[in-house]
Amino acid sequence: MLSSAPGNDAPIGGVKIVTGSGWLAARPSGTEDVYKLYAESFKGPEHLAQIQEEGQALVSSALKG
């Protein structure tokens, strides 16, 4: 899990979770009262949907406290 850029250690304004088969980044929007999810799968569309669903559940749980 990363909260800063690996190259220059600059804050990324959220968190990024990297695995061998994909990644997910979550950060609050700068203009809206929402958070944004960014994701990529190296396996395909079904795996990407799984990453997105699990990421959304993780962020929602964290925001509830």
N, C-alpha and C. Protein backbone atom coordinates (compact mmCIF):
# COMPACT_ATOMS: atom_id res chain seq x y z
N MET A 1 0.86 -1.16 0.00
CA MET A 1 0.00 0.00 0.00
C MET A 1 0.91 1.23 0.00
N LEU A 2 0.58 2.20 -0.84
CA LEU A 2 1.37 3.43 -0.97
C LEU A 2 0.53 4.64 -0.64
N SER A 3 1.13 5.64 -0.01
CA SER A 3 0.46 6.93 0.19
C SER A 3 1.33 8.06 -0.34
N SER A 4 2.47 7.70 -0.93
CA SER A 4 3.35 8.68 -1.57
C SER A 4 3.95 8.05 -2.82
N ALA A 5 4.37 8.90 -3.75
CA ALA A 5 4.92 8.42 -5.01
C ALA A 5 6.27 7.76 -4.78
N PRO A 6 6.50 6.60 -5.37
CA PRO A 6 7.77 5.91 -5.14
C PRO A 6 8.98 6.66 -5.69
N GLY A 7 8.82 7.43 -6.75
CA GLY A 7 9.95 8.11 -7.36
C GLY A 7 10.48 9.29 -6.57
N ASN A 8 9.56 10.11 -6.03
CA ASN A 8 10.01 11.33 -5.34
C ASN A 8 9.40 11.49 -3.95
N ASP A 9 8.68 10.50 -3.48
CA ASP A 9 8.06 10.49 -2.15
C ASP A 9 7.02 11.61 -1.96
N ALA A 10 6.50 12.17 -3.07
CA ALA A 10 5.46 13.19 -2.98
C ALA A 10 4.14 12.54 -2.57
N PRO A 11 3.35 13.21 -1.74
CA PRO A 11 2.05 12.64 -1.34
C PRO A 11 1.13 12.49 -2.55
N ILE A 12 0.37 11.40 -2.57
CA ILE A 12 -0.55 11.18 -3.70
C ILE A 12 -1.98 11.57 -3.35
N GLY A 13 -2.22 12.02 -2.14
CA GLY A 13 -3.55 12.49 -1.76
C GLY A 13 -4.55 11.38 -1.55
N GLY A 14 -4.09 10.19 -1.31
CA GLY A 14 -4.95 9.04 -1.09
C GLY A 14 -4.09 7.82 -0.84
N VAL A 15 -4.59 6.66 -1.23
CA VAL A 15 -3.83 5.43 -1.09
C VAL A 15 -3.85 4.65 -2.40
N LYS A 16 -2.82 3.88 -2.63
CA LYS A 16 -2.75 3.00 -3.79
C LYS A 16 -2.33 1.63 -3.30
N ILE A 17 -3.09 0.63 -3.69
CA ILE A 17 -2.81 -0.75 -3.32
C ILE A 17 -2.39 -1.47 -4.60
N VAL A 18 -1.20 -2.06 -4.57
CA VAL A 18 -0.63 -2.72 -5.74
C VAL A 18 -0.46 -4.20 -5.44
N THR A 19 -0.90 -5.04 -6.39
CA THR A 19 -0.69 -6.48 -6.28
C THR A 19 -0.02 -6.96 -7.57
N GLY A 20 0.28 -8.21 -7.64
CA GLY A 20 0.90 -8.76 -8.84
C GLY A 20 -0.03 -8.80 -10.04
N SER A 21 -1.34 -8.69 -9.82
CA SER A 21 -2.28 -8.81 -10.93
C SER A 21 -3.15 -7.57 -11.14
N GLY A 22 -2.82 -6.47 -10.46
CA GLY A 22 -3.59 -5.24 -10.66
C GLY A 22 -3.32 -4.23 -9.56
N TRP A 23 -4.02 -3.11 -9.64
CA TRP A 23 -3.87 -2.08 -8.61
C TRP A 23 -5.17 -1.29 -8.48
N LEU A 24 -5.28 -0.60 -7.34
CA LEU A 24 -6.43 0.24 -7.03
C LEU A 24 -5.91 1.48 -6.32
N ALA A 25 -6.38 2.63 -6.72
CA ALA A 25 -6.05 3.87 -6.02
C ALA A 25 -7.36 4.54 -5.62
N ALA A 26 -7.39 5.11 -4.43
CA ALA A 26 -8.57 5.82 -3.92
C ALA A 26 -8.12 7.14 -3.34
N ARG A 27 -8.85 8.21 -3.68
CA ARG A 27 -8.53 9.52 -3.13
C ARG A 27 -9.78 10.38 -3.14
N PRO A 28 -9.86 11.34 -2.24
CA PRO A 28 -11.02 12.23 -2.25
C PRO A 28 -10.96 13.16 -3.47
N SER A 29 -12.13 13.52 -3.97
CA SER A 29 -12.20 14.48 -5.06
C SER A 29 -11.82 15.86 -4.53
N GLY A 30 -11.18 16.64 -5.35
CA GLY A 30 -10.82 18.00 -4.95
C GLY A 30 -11.95 18.99 -5.13
N THR A 31 -13.01 18.61 -5.85
CA THR A 31 -14.09 19.55 -6.16
C THR A 31 -15.47 19.07 -5.72
N GLU A 32 -15.60 17.80 -5.35
CA GLU A 32 -16.89 17.25 -4.96
C GLU A 32 -16.77 16.49 -3.65
N ASP A 33 -17.87 16.27 -2.99
CA ASP A 33 -17.88 15.52 -1.73
C ASP A 33 -18.00 14.03 -2.02
N VAL A 34 -17.05 13.51 -2.76
CA VAL A 34 -17.00 12.09 -3.13
C VAL A 34 -15.54 11.65 -3.14
N TYR A 35 -15.35 10.35 -3.21
CA TYR A 35 -14.00 9.84 -3.43
C TYR A 35 -13.95 9.22 -4.81
N LYS A 36 -12.76 9.15 -5.37
CA LYS A 36 -12.58 8.59 -6.71
C LYS A 36 -11.75 7.32 -6.60
N LEU A 37 -12.15 6.33 -7.40
CA LEU A 37 -11.41 5.08 -7.48
C LEU A 37 -10.81 4.95 -8.87
N TYR A 38 -9.58 4.54 -8.91
CA TYR A 38 -8.90 4.25 -10.17
C TYR A 38 -8.37 2.83 -10.04
N ALA A 39 -8.52 2.04 -11.09
CA ALA A 39 -8.10 0.64 -10.98
C ALA A 39 -7.63 0.13 -12.33
N GLU A 40 -6.79 -0.89 -12.26
CA GLU A 40 -6.33 -1.57 -13.46
C GLU A 40 -6.13 -3.03 -13.11
N SER A 41 -6.56 -3.90 -14.02
CA SER A 41 -6.34 -5.33 -13.89
C SER A 41 -5.41 -5.78 -15.00
N PHE A 42 -4.52 -6.69 -14.68
CA PHE A 42 -3.64 -7.27 -15.69
C PHE A 42 -4.20 -8.60 -16.19
N LYS A 43 -5.41 -8.95 -15.71
CA LYS A 43 -6.03 -10.23 -16.07
C LYS A 43 -7.23 -10.10 -17.01
N GLY A 44 -7.96 -8.99 -16.94
CA GLY A 44 -9.13 -8.85 -17.81
C GLY A 44 -10.28 -8.13 -17.15
N PRO A 45 -11.38 -7.95 -17.89
CA PRO A 45 -12.52 -7.17 -17.42
C PRO A 45 -13.21 -7.72 -16.18
N GLU A 46 -13.32 -9.04 -16.05
CA GLU A 46 -13.98 -9.61 -14.88
C GLU A 46 -13.15 -9.33 -13.62
N HIS A 47 -11.86 -9.46 -13.74
CA HIS A 47 -10.98 -9.20 -12.61
C HIS A 47 -11.01 -7.72 -12.24
N LEU A 48 -11.06 -6.85 -13.24
CA LEU A 48 -11.16 -5.41 -12.98
C LEU A 48 -12.43 -5.10 -12.20
N ALA A 49 -13.54 -5.69 -12.58
CA ALA A 49 -14.80 -5.48 -11.86
C ALA A 49 -14.67 -5.93 -10.40
N GLN A 50 -13.97 -7.05 -10.18
CA GLN A 50 -13.75 -7.54 -8.82
C GLN A 50 -12.91 -6.55 -8.01
N ILE A 51 -11.84 -6.04 -8.61
CA ILE A 51 -10.99 -5.05 -7.93
C ILE A 51 -11.82 -3.82 -7.56
N GLN A 52 -12.63 -3.34 -8.49
CA GLN A 52 -13.45 -2.15 -8.24
C GLN A 52 -14.46 -2.39 -7.12
N GLU A 53 -15.13 -3.53 -7.14
CA GLU A 53 -16.12 -3.83 -6.11
C GLU A 53 -15.48 -3.95 -4.73
N GLU A 54 -14.38 -4.66 -4.66
CA GLU A 54 -13.70 -4.84 -3.37
C GLU A 54 -13.10 -3.52 -2.88
N GLY A 55 -12.58 -2.71 -3.80
CA GLY A 55 -12.04 -1.41 -3.43
C GLY A 55 -13.11 -0.48 -2.90
N GLN A 56 -14.26 -0.46 -3.55
CA GLN A 56 -15.35 0.39 -3.10
C GLN A 56 -15.82 -0.04 -1.72
N ALA A 57 -15.92 -1.34 -1.48
CA ALA A 57 -16.34 -1.83 -0.17
C ALA A 57 -15.31 -1.45 0.90
N LEU A 58 -14.03 -1.56 0.56
CA LEU A 58 -12.97 -1.21 1.52
C LEU A 58 -13.00 0.26 1.88
N VAL A 59 -13.13 1.14 0.89
CA VAL A 59 -13.17 2.57 1.14
C VAL A 59 -14.43 2.94 1.92
N SER A 60 -15.56 2.39 1.54
CA SER A 60 -16.81 2.69 2.25
C SER A 60 -16.71 2.28 3.71
N SER A 61 -16.13 1.11 3.97
CA SER A 61 -15.96 0.66 5.35
C SER A 61 -15.03 1.58 6.12
N ALA A 62 -13.95 2.01 5.50
CA ALA A 62 -13.00 2.91 6.18
C ALA A 62 -13.64 4.25 6.50
N LEU A 63 -14.48 4.75 5.61
CA LEU A 63 -15.11 6.05 5.83
C LEU A 63 -16.18 6.01 6.93
N LYS A 64 -16.75 4.82 7.16
CA LYS A 64 -17.76 4.68 8.22
C LYS A 64 -17.12 4.73 9.60
N GLY A 65 -15.82 4.47 9.66
CA GLY A 65 -15.10 4.55 10.93
C GLY A 65 -14.86 3.25 11.47
